Amino acid sequence: MTYFADFGLAEPISRALADKGYTEPTPIQVQSIPPVLEGRDICGIAQTGTGKTAAFALPMLHRLAANPKHRLKCATRALVLAPTRELVSQIAQSFNDYGKYMRLSVTTVFGGVPIPRQERAIMHGVDVVVATPGRLLDLVERGALDLKQVEILVLDEADQMLDLGFIHDLRRIVGLLPRQRQTLFFSATMPKAIEELAARYLTNPVKVAVKPAATTAERVDQAVIHVNQAEKPALLQLVLRDGTKSGAIDRALVFTRTKHGADRVVRQLGNAGIMAEAIHGNKSQPQRERALAAFKAGTCKVLVATDIAARGIDVTGVSHVINYELPNVPESYVHRIGRTARAGRAGQAIAFCAEDERPFLRDIEKLIRQKITVLALPADFRAAVVAAQKIERAAPPAPREEPGREDRRDFARRPAGGGRAGRDPRAQVKPARGGGGGGNGGRPARAGGGGGYRGR
């Protein structure tokens, strides 16, 4: 099939696609939409930015249009789970765009906003709920949402949900759903934990992989610069001001491993006269929305993010992804650099690698099955270091930083000899005892809750 018209989608959906100028489906859509229309379970692997959302949203909307039902109180027919607020909002917007000519009700559910507002939105029943796992369970426990009517379950970015410790929430949610349902898994990578989860929850699934697992975008020019940790601020300022060999930086997405690290980078850039915004789990929902809107509009050309918050950042104009700190989970690198080279454009990914991050770099190169090009430090780097240090000494004292939950998770995979050993976040299998490990948008975890960044 080479055109959306070949799928036989309902007329309101075809009209909405025509409005958006969509005529030819992407490879993941070509391979996924027909079996989903047939009611088959799907395990889909594709790089971020390849059209995964439409691959499940379009056939789901067709099913809702072809089989209309009266909405039941506090119930939904379709449930989409995603790891972050930004991704939830992005998916919901796609459903609204594709279903704008349908009598469609779509509700988002995530932490950081008052729960009564979400209860009211679901009260009379909705067609589609797009949610983060933690807040969804909160609504279920309050009796505001009944999952017994769910006909289709979608797990988007399933690998990231496992990385963030959502495995126990996912198991609880699946246990509340009808056994007779259609289940769709979509992800950019396929670690063993996802394979095991898919084997447990999918029935005779169609496996779709438009690229080998964990490959990186073809149009992304990847490079790494070896630099001392203390000199990274100077290098970042130099790169942002002078651009790179591939050209000037239009919009740069800068990744740190922790939220306090993101705030520190923004403060250092501000002291150097470079405007930047941070987006991470400690920011309120309005703050995150404002920062992302400014980045999309181009009024702020540097956005500093953590992996947790970056899912759902779908900005076609990102020219550069800068890994200020290499991720300690190598699959995260694939997701990070997938934020550039979107919608057919080219992009560049630059990594700053300190000595103690070299094991992370080796893990990444092993995963993506290629060596990343090494660039030398810029010729004027030493002068930039001196200037950055002078600016930092003249700046007001930084606020005292307390390590948060996300920072503690940063030590899950240390390089050899890097100090206290910890667990790989992908290997979480037991819930925490007592009330530890919450992260429920600022409130304490329920007793026995354990696990991760619920509603982030």
Protein backbone atom coordinates (compact mmCIF):
# COMPACT_ATOMS: atom_id res chain seq x y z
CA MET A 1 0.00 0.00 0.00
CA THR A 2 1.41 3.35 -1.00
CA TYR A 3 -1.43 5.73 -0.05
CA PHE A 4 -3.58 6.20 3.04
CA ALA A 5 -6.62 5.84 0.79
CA ASP A 6 -5.62 2.19 0.22
CA PHE A 7 -6.31 1.32 3.88
CA GLY A 8 -10.06 1.88 3.58
CA LEU A 9 -10.19 4.09 6.69
CA ALA A 10 -13.49 5.66 7.71
CA GLU A 11 -14.41 8.78 5.75
CA PRO A 12 -14.03 11.23 8.69
CA ILE A 13 -10.49 9.97 9.28
CA SER A 14 -9.56 10.18 5.59
CA ARG A 15 -10.90 13.74 5.49
CA ALA A 16 -8.77 14.72 8.52
CA LEU A 17 -5.67 13.19 6.91
CA ALA A 18 -6.37 15.15 3.73
CA ASP A 19 -6.60 18.35 5.78
CA LYS A 20 -3.12 17.68 7.15
CA GLY A 21 -1.78 16.91 3.68
CA TYR A 22 -1.00 13.28 4.53
CA THR A 23 -1.15 11.02 1.48
CA GLU A 24 1.67 8.47 1.77
CA PRO A 25 2.14 6.37 4.92
CA THR A 26 5.53 5.71 6.51
CA PRO A 27 6.99 2.18 6.61
CA ILE A 28 5.82 1.54 10.19
CA GLN A 29 2.33 2.64 9.21
CA VAL A 30 2.29 0.47 6.08
CA GLN A 31 3.23 -2.60 8.09
CA SER A 32 1.13 -1.90 11.21
CA ILE A 33 -2.19 -0.44 10.11
CA PRO A 34 -3.57 -3.45 8.14
CA PRO A 35 -3.05 -6.06 10.93
CA VAL A 36 -4.39 -3.64 13.57
CA LEU A 37 -7.49 -3.13 11.41
CA GLU A 38 -7.84 -6.92 11.37
CA GLY A 39 -7.83 -6.98 15.17
CA ARG A 40 -4.36 -8.52 15.53
CA ASP A 41 -1.97 -7.75 18.39
CA ILE A 42 1.15 -5.82 17.34
CA CYS A 43 4.73 -5.62 18.58
CA GLY A 44 6.15 -2.68 16.63
CA ILE A 45 9.76 -1.50 16.66
CA ALA A 46 10.65 1.75 14.94
CA GLN A 47 12.87 4.73 15.55
CA THR A 48 11.30 7.75 17.13
CA GLY A 49 9.95 10.22 14.59
CA THR A 50 8.87 7.56 12.08
CA GLY A 51 5.11 7.89 12.59
CA LYS A 52 4.38 5.34 15.31
CA THR A 53 1.53 7.37 16.78
CA ALA A 54 -0.47 7.35 13.54
CA ALA A 55 0.35 3.66 13.13
CA PHE A 56 -1.85 2.84 16.12
CA ALA A 57 -4.13 5.90 16.31
CA LEU A 58 -5.59 5.64 12.80
CA PRO A 59 -6.79 2.01 12.99
CA MET A 60 -8.05 2.57 16.55
CA LEU A 61 -10.14 5.51 15.39
CA HIS A 62 -11.44 3.44 12.47
CA ARG A 63 -12.59 0.77 14.93
CA LEU A 64 -14.36 3.36 17.08
CA ALA A 65 -16.03 4.88 14.03
CA ALA A 66 -17.10 1.54 12.57
CA ASN A 67 -18.55 0.28 15.85
CA PRO A 68 -20.02 3.26 17.75
CA LYS A 69 -21.18 2.60 21.31
CA HIS A 70 -22.82 4.62 24.03
CA ARG A 71 -20.21 5.91 26.47
CA LEU A 72 -20.47 4.25 29.86
CA LYS A 73 -20.00 6.19 33.08
CA CYS A 74 -16.36 6.35 34.26
CA ALA A 75 -15.23 4.04 31.46
CA THR A 76 -13.20 4.12 28.26
CA ARG A 77 -13.00 1.93 25.16
CA ALA A 78 -9.34 2.63 24.32
CA LEU A 79 -6.38 3.10 26.67
CA VAL A 80 -2.96 4.40 25.62
CA LEU A 81 -0.12 4.33 28.17
CA ALA A 82 3.00 6.47 27.79
CA PRO A 83 5.88 7.31 30.16
CA THR A 84 5.73 11.14 30.32
CA ARG A 85 3.29 14.02 30.39
CA GLU A 86 4.68 15.52 27.21
CA LEU A 87 4.26 12.31 25.26
CA VAL A 88 0.74 11.83 26.64
CA SER A 89 -0.22 15.32 25.46
CA GLN A 90 1.37 14.74 22.04
CA ILE A 91 -0.49 11.45 21.52
CA ALA A 92 -3.80 12.94 22.61
CA GLN A 93 -3.33 15.83 20.19
CA SER A 94 -2.79 13.33 17.36
CA PHE A 95 -6.03 11.54 18.25
CA ASN A 96 -7.87 14.85 18.23
CA ASP A 97 -6.32 15.86 14.90
CA TYR A 98 -7.12 12.56 13.16
CA GLY A 99 -10.55 12.30 14.75
CA LYS A 100 -11.68 15.92 14.43
CA TYR A 101 -14.59 14.99 12.17
CA MET A 102 -15.75 12.23 14.53
CA ARG A 103 -17.80 12.54 17.68
CA LEU A 104 -14.70 11.70 19.66
CA SER A 105 -13.88 12.19 23.33
CA VAL A 106 -10.18 12.07 24.29
CA THR A 107 -8.89 12.67 27.82
CA THR A 108 -5.33 12.98 29.11
CA VAL A 109 -4.37 11.63 32.53
CA PHE A 110 -1.05 12.48 34.17
CA GLY A 111 0.42 13.94 37.34
CA GLY A 112 1.16 17.58 38.01
CA VAL A 113 -2.44 18.75 37.56
CA PRO A 114 -5.40 18.57 40.00
CA ILE A 115 -6.91 15.10 40.01
CA PRO A 116 -10.52 16.34 40.44
CA ARG A 117 -10.29 17.97 37.00
CA GLN A 118 -9.44 14.59 35.48
CA GLU A 119 -12.19 12.88 37.44
CA ARG A 120 -14.74 15.30 36.00
CA ALA A 121 -13.44 14.73 32.47
CA ILE A 122 -13.96 10.97 32.79
CA MET A 123 -17.18 11.07 34.77
CA HIS A 124 -19.54 10.55 31.81
CA GLY A 125 -17.24 8.18 29.92
CA VAL A 126 -14.73 8.82 27.13
CA ASP A 127 -13.64 7.06 23.95
CA VAL A 128 -9.88 7.31 24.47
CA VAL A 129 -7.80 7.79 27.61
CA VAL A 130 -4.10 8.61 27.15
CA ALA A 131 -2.31 8.29 30.47
CA THR A 132 0.84 7.83 32.50
CA PRO A 133 0.57 4.66 34.60
CA GLY A 134 0.80 6.21 38.06
CA ARG A 135 -1.98 8.78 37.78
CA LEU A 136 -4.16 6.23 35.95
CA LEU A 137 -3.97 3.91 38.97
CA ASP A 138 -4.76 6.83 41.25
CA LEU A 139 -8.01 7.37 39.36
CA VAL A 140 -8.84 3.67 39.43
CA GLU A 141 -8.27 3.49 43.17
CA ARG A 142 -10.53 6.51 43.71
CA GLY A 143 -13.30 4.79 41.77
CA ALA A 144 -13.17 7.46 39.06
CA LEU A 145 -12.21 5.10 36.23
CA ASP A 146 -13.30 1.57 35.37
CA LEU A 147 -11.03 -0.34 32.99
CA LYS A 148 -13.37 -3.30 32.39
CA GLN A 149 -14.67 -1.81 29.13
CA VAL A 150 -11.26 -1.33 27.48
CA GLU A 151 -11.20 -2.91 24.02
CA ILE A 152 -7.73 -1.76 22.91
CA LEU A 153 -4.58 -1.25 25.00
CA VAL A 154 -1.52 0.55 23.61
CA LEU A 155 1.87 0.73 25.30
CA ASP A 156 3.90 3.44 23.62
CA GLU A 157 7.62 3.81 24.37
CA ALA A 158 7.32 0.57 26.32
CA ASP A 159 11.08 0.29 26.87
CA GLN A 160 11.23 3.68 28.56
CA MET A 161 8.36 2.75 30.87
CA LEU A 162 10.37 -0.22 32.06
CA ASP A 163 13.51 1.93 32.46
CA LEU A 164 11.55 4.32 34.66
CA GLY A 165 10.31 1.59 36.99
CA PHE A 166 6.73 1.36 35.73
CA ILE A 167 6.77 -2.43 35.45
CA HIS A 168 4.71 -3.01 38.61
CA ASP A 169 2.14 -0.40 37.64
CA LEU A 170 1.87 -1.96 34.17
CA ARG A 171 1.25 -5.38 35.68
CA ARG A 172 -1.48 -3.99 37.92
CA ILE A 173 -3.13 -2.14 35.05
CA VAL A 174 -3.10 -5.16 32.74
CA GLY A 175 -4.65 -7.22 35.55
CA LEU A 176 -7.60 -4.80 35.61
CA LEU A 177 -8.30 -5.08 31.87
CA PRO A 178 -10.55 -7.61 30.12
CA ARG A 179 -8.72 -10.67 28.84
CA GLN A 180 -10.45 -10.31 25.49
CA ARG A 181 -8.81 -7.18 24.10
CA GLN A 182 -6.42 -6.02 21.40
CA THR A 183 -2.95 -5.08 22.65
CA LEU A 184 -0.40 -2.99 20.76
CA PHE A 185 3.25 -2.51 21.82
CA PHE A 186 5.34 0.20 20.19
CA SER A 187 8.90 1.08 21.05
CA ALA A 188 12.13 2.38 19.55
CA THR A 189 14.27 -0.36 21.13
CA MET A 190 13.64 -3.98 22.08
CA PRO A 191 15.58 -5.02 25.19
CA LYS A 192 14.98 -8.48 26.62
CA ALA A 193 12.65 -7.13 29.30
CA ILE A 194 10.31 -5.82 26.59
CA GLU A 195 10.44 -9.13 24.74
CA GLU A 196 9.39 -10.92 27.92
CA LEU A 197 6.60 -8.41 28.55
CA ALA A 198 5.34 -8.74 24.99
CA ALA A 199 5.36 -12.53 25.25
CA ARG A 200 3.24 -12.31 28.39
CA TYR A 201 0.64 -9.78 27.23
CA LEU A 202 0.39 -10.22 23.45
CA THR A 203 -1.51 -13.03 21.73
CA ASN A 204 0.02 -14.31 18.50
CA PRO A 205 1.29 -10.81 17.66
CA VAL A 206 2.38 -9.46 14.31
CA LYS A 207 6.00 -8.33 14.73
CA VAL A 208 6.89 -5.17 12.86
CA ALA A 209 10.43 -3.76 12.75
CA VAL A 210 11.16 -1.12 10.12
CA LYS A 211 14.74 -0.85 11.38
CA PRO A 212 16.89 -3.21 13.42
CA ALA A 213 16.41 -2.62 17.14
CA ALA A 214 18.48 0.24 18.56
CA THR A 215 19.74 1.62 15.24
CA THR A 216 20.05 5.39 15.05
CA ALA A 217 18.55 7.81 12.58
CA GLU A 218 20.34 7.69 9.23
CA ARG A 219 20.42 11.45 8.81
CA VAL A 220 22.01 12.11 12.21
CA ASP A 221 25.71 13.01 12.03
CA GLN A 222 27.12 11.69 15.31
CA ALA A 223 30.29 12.90 17.03
CA VAL A 224 31.93 12.79 20.44
CA ILE A 225 34.35 15.21 22.09
CA HIS A 226 36.48 14.00 25.00
CA VAL A 227 36.66 16.67 27.69
CA ASN A 228 37.19 16.96 31.44
CA GLN A 229 33.94 17.09 33.41
CA ALA A 230 34.81 20.47 34.97
CA GLU A 231 35.39 21.99 31.50
CA LYS A 232 32.08 20.90 29.98
CA PRO A 233 30.36 24.26 30.72
CA ALA A 234 32.99 26.11 28.68
CA LEU A 235 32.71 23.64 25.80
CA LEU A 236 28.92 23.89 25.75
CA GLN A 237 29.01 27.68 25.68
CA LEU A 238 31.58 27.61 22.89
CA VAL A 239 29.59 25.13 20.78
CA LEU A 240 26.33 27.03 21.25
CA ARG A 241 27.92 30.36 20.30
CA ASP A 242 30.09 29.27 17.39
CA GLY A 243 28.07 26.36 16.03
CA THR A 244 29.67 23.24 14.63
CA LYS A 245 31.28 22.07 11.42
CA SER A 246 27.83 21.18 10.12
CA GLY A 247 26.64 24.76 10.50
CA ALA A 248 24.98 27.16 12.89
CA ILE A 249 22.82 25.81 15.69
CA ASP A 250 19.15 26.62 15.09
CA ARG A 251 17.65 24.80 18.05
CA ALA A 252 19.70 22.67 20.45
CA LEU A 253 18.34 20.06 22.82
CA VAL A 254 20.87 19.49 25.63
CA PHE A 255 20.64 16.33 27.73
CA THR A 256 21.77 15.85 31.32
CA ARG A 257 21.33 12.76 33.46
CA THR A 258 19.69 14.56 36.39
CA LYS A 259 17.19 17.33 36.89
CA HIS A 260 19.52 19.27 39.20
CA GLY A 261 22.18 18.95 36.52
CA ALA A 262 19.74 20.45 34.00
CA ASP A 263 19.07 23.42 36.27
CA ARG A 264 22.80 23.90 36.80
CA VAL A 265 23.46 23.98 33.04
CA VAL A 266 20.67 26.52 32.49
CA ARG A 267 22.08 28.73 35.26
CA GLN A 268 25.61 28.55 33.83
CA LEU A 269 24.39 29.36 30.34
CA GLY A 270 22.37 32.29 31.69
CA ASN A 271 25.45 33.65 33.48
CA ALA A 272 27.23 33.51 30.11
CA GLY A 273 24.43 35.39 28.37
CA ILE A 274 22.89 32.38 26.60
CA MET A 275 19.15 31.98 27.11
CA ALA A 276 18.05 28.45 27.95
CA GLU A 277 15.12 26.69 29.60
CA ALA A 278 15.01 23.42 31.53
CA ILE A 279 12.36 20.73 31.36
CA HIS A 280 12.31 17.90 33.91
CA GLY A 281 10.21 16.19 36.55
CA ASN A 282 10.62 18.91 39.21
CA LYS A 283 9.03 21.51 36.94
CA SER A 284 5.29 22.13 37.23
CA GLN A 285 3.14 21.24 34.25
CA PRO A 286 2.63 24.92 33.25
CA GLN A 287 6.40 25.50 33.46
CA ARG A 288 7.07 22.50 31.23
CA GLU A 289 4.45 23.59 28.73
CA ARG A 290 5.80 27.15 28.58
CA ALA A 291 9.40 25.95 28.12
CA LEU A 292 8.41 23.54 25.35
CA ALA A 293 6.23 26.17 23.63
CA ALA A 294 9.11 28.68 23.64
CA PHE A 295 11.44 26.04 22.21
CA LYS A 296 8.98 25.11 19.46
CA ALA A 297 8.41 28.77 18.60
CA GLY A 298 12.16 29.44 18.46
CA THR A 299 12.07 32.20 21.07
CA CYS A 300 14.29 29.98 23.22
CA LYS A 301 16.81 28.09 21.13
CA VAL A 302 18.31 25.93 23.90
CA LEU A 303 16.26 23.44 25.88
CA VAL A 304 18.00 21.42 28.61
CA ALA A 305 16.21 18.18 29.43
CA THR A 306 16.46 14.89 31.27
CA ASP A 307 15.57 11.59 29.64
CA ILE A 308 12.39 11.37 31.69
CA ALA A 309 10.98 14.64 30.41
CA ALA A 310 12.32 14.42 26.85
CA ARG A 311 9.89 11.74 25.65
CA GLY A 312 7.22 13.57 23.73
CA ILE A 313 9.44 16.43 22.57
CA ASP A 314 8.46 16.39 18.91
CA VAL A 315 10.02 19.52 17.40
CA THR A 316 10.96 19.29 13.73
CA GLY A 317 13.41 22.20 13.93
CA VAL A 318 15.90 20.63 16.36
CA SER A 319 19.19 20.97 14.50
CA HIS A 320 21.45 19.61 17.26
CA VAL A 321 21.23 17.21 20.17
CA ILE A 322 24.03 17.71 22.67
CA ASN A 323 24.69 14.93 25.17
CA TYR A 324 26.20 17.12 27.87
CA GLU A 325 26.33 13.94 29.96
CA LEU A 326 26.26 10.52 28.36
CA PRO A 327 23.32 8.37 29.44
CA ASN A 328 24.11 5.49 31.77
CA VAL A 329 21.50 3.36 29.97
CA PRO A 330 22.72 3.02 26.36
CA GLU A 331 19.23 2.70 24.83
CA SER A 332 18.53 6.24 26.05
CA TYR A 333 21.15 7.50 23.59
CA VAL A 334 19.03 6.22 20.70
CA HIS A 335 16.00 8.07 22.01
CA ARG A 336 17.97 11.24 22.68
CA ILE A 337 19.47 11.64 19.22
CA GLY A 338 16.13 10.72 17.68
CA ARG A 339 14.93 14.19 18.70
CA THR A 340 16.84 15.59 15.70
CA ALA A 341 16.68 14.63 12.00
CA ARG A 342 12.90 14.45 12.18
CA ALA A 343 10.46 14.82 9.30
CA GLY A 344 13.14 14.04 6.72
CA ARG A 345 15.62 16.67 7.90
CA ALA A 346 19.28 16.21 8.74
CA GLY A 347 20.66 16.75 12.22
CA GLN A 348 23.77 16.47 14.36
CA ALA A 349 24.32 14.76 17.70
CA ILE A 350 27.38 15.74 19.76
CA ALA A 351 28.40 13.94 22.94
CA PHE A 352 30.67 15.34 25.64
CA CYS A 353 32.53 12.41 27.17
CA ALA A 354 34.45 12.75 30.44
CA GLU A 355 36.99 10.15 31.51
CA ASP A 356 34.57 8.35 33.84
CA GLU A 357 31.94 8.21 31.07
CA ARG A 358 34.06 6.18 28.66
CA PRO A 359 32.40 2.89 29.72
CA PHE A 360 29.03 4.47 28.85
CA LEU A 361 30.40 5.42 25.43
CA ARG A 362 31.60 1.85 24.83
CA ASP A 363 28.16 0.52 25.77
CA ILE A 364 26.50 2.95 23.34
CA GLU A 365 28.82 2.05 20.46
CA LYS A 366 28.21 -1.62 21.11
CA LEU A 367 24.45 -1.08 21.07
CA ILE A 368 24.34 0.99 17.87
CA ARG A 369 27.00 -1.20 16.24
CA GLN A 370 29.20 1.65 15.08
CA LYS A 371 32.05 3.85 16.22
CA ILE A 372 31.15 7.47 16.88
CA THR A 373 33.44 10.00 15.19
CA VAL A 374 35.83 11.69 17.63
CA LEU A 375 36.25 15.45 17.25
CA ALA A 376 39.14 17.46 18.67
CA LEU A 377 38.54 20.26 21.13
CA PRO A 378 38.06 23.64 19.39
CA ALA A 379 41.21 25.70 18.82
CA ASP A 380 40.06 28.45 21.18
CA PHE A 381 38.89 26.05 23.88
CA ARG A 382 41.49 27.03 26.51
CA ALA A 383 40.53 30.69 26.24
CA ALA A 384 36.86 29.68 26.55
CA VAL A 385 37.62 27.74 29.75
CA VAL A 386 39.32 30.75 31.31
CA ALA A 387 36.42 33.01 30.31
CA ALA A 388 33.81 30.57 31.65
CA GLN A 389 35.62 30.23 34.97
CA LYS A 390 35.81 34.00 35.31
CA ILE A 391 32.06 34.31 34.64
CA GLU A 392 31.29 31.59 37.15
CA ARG A 393 33.37 33.26 39.87
CA ALA A 394 31.57 36.55 39.30
CA ALA A 395 28.09 34.96 39.31
CA PRO A 396 25.84 34.96 42.40
CA PRO A 397 26.14 31.88 44.62
CA ALA A 398 24.14 28.96 43.31
CA PRO A 399 21.22 27.72 45.43
CA ARG A 400 21.98 24.71 47.56
CA GLU A 401 21.11 21.52 45.68
CA GLU A 402 19.71 18.46 47.38
CA PRO A 403 19.94 15.20 45.42
CA GLY A 404 16.49 14.08 44.34
CA ARG A 405 15.03 10.75 43.31
CA GLU A 406 16.17 11.16 39.74
CA ASP A 407 19.69 11.96 40.87
CA ARG A 408 19.84 8.83 42.98
CA ARG A 409 18.76 6.81 39.95
CA ASP A 410 21.76 8.26 38.11
CA PHE A 411 23.99 5.88 40.06
CA ALA A 412 22.21 2.80 38.75
CA ARG A 413 25.06 1.99 36.37
CA ARG A 414 28.46 3.35 37.35
CA PRO A 415 31.65 2.73 35.41
CA ALA A 416 33.99 0.17 36.88
CA GLY A 417 35.66 1.61 39.96
CA GLY A 418 33.13 4.45 40.06
CA GLY A 419 32.11 3.93 43.65
CA ARG A 420 29.09 2.31 45.24
CA ALA A 421 27.44 -0.23 42.98
CA GLY A 422 23.74 -0.06 42.24
CA ARG A 423 21.05 -1.75 40.27
CA ASP A 424 20.37 -1.36 36.59
CA PRO A 425 17.01 0.47 36.38
CA ARG A 426 15.97 -1.97 33.64
CA ALA A 427 16.26 -4.86 36.08
CA GLN A 428 13.68 -3.67 38.63
CA VAL A 429 11.51 -6.63 39.46
CA LYS A 430 10.50 -6.22 43.10
CA PRO A 431 8.41 -3.38 44.54
CA ALA A 432 9.93 -1.34 47.34
CA ARG A 433 8.84 -2.17 50.88
CA GLY A 434 6.87 0.28 52.93
CA GLY A 435 6.22 3.68 51.48
CA GLY A 436 9.53 4.28 49.72
CA GLY A 437 10.35 5.24 46.18
CA GLY A 438 7.34 7.36 45.34
CA GLY A 439 7.65 10.20 42.90
CA ASN A 440 3.91 10.74 42.61
CA GLY A 441 4.06 14.31 41.44
CA GLY A 442 5.08 15.67 44.82
CA ARG A 443 3.04 13.44 47.12
CA PRO A 444 4.32 10.45 49.12
CA ALA A 445 3.99 6.98 47.70
CA ARG A 446 1.31 4.62 48.90
CA ALA A 447 2.42 1.94 51.32
CA GLY A 448 4.01 -0.85 49.39
CA GLY A 449 3.85 1.22 46.23
CA GLY A 450 7.50 1.48 45.30
CA GLY A 451 8.91 2.11 41.95
CA GLY A 452 9.63 5.07 39.90
CA TYR A 453 8.42 8.27 38.42
CA ARG A 454 4.67 7.90 38.41
CA GLY A 455 2.95 10.54 36.40
CA ARG A 456 6.18 12.22 35.34
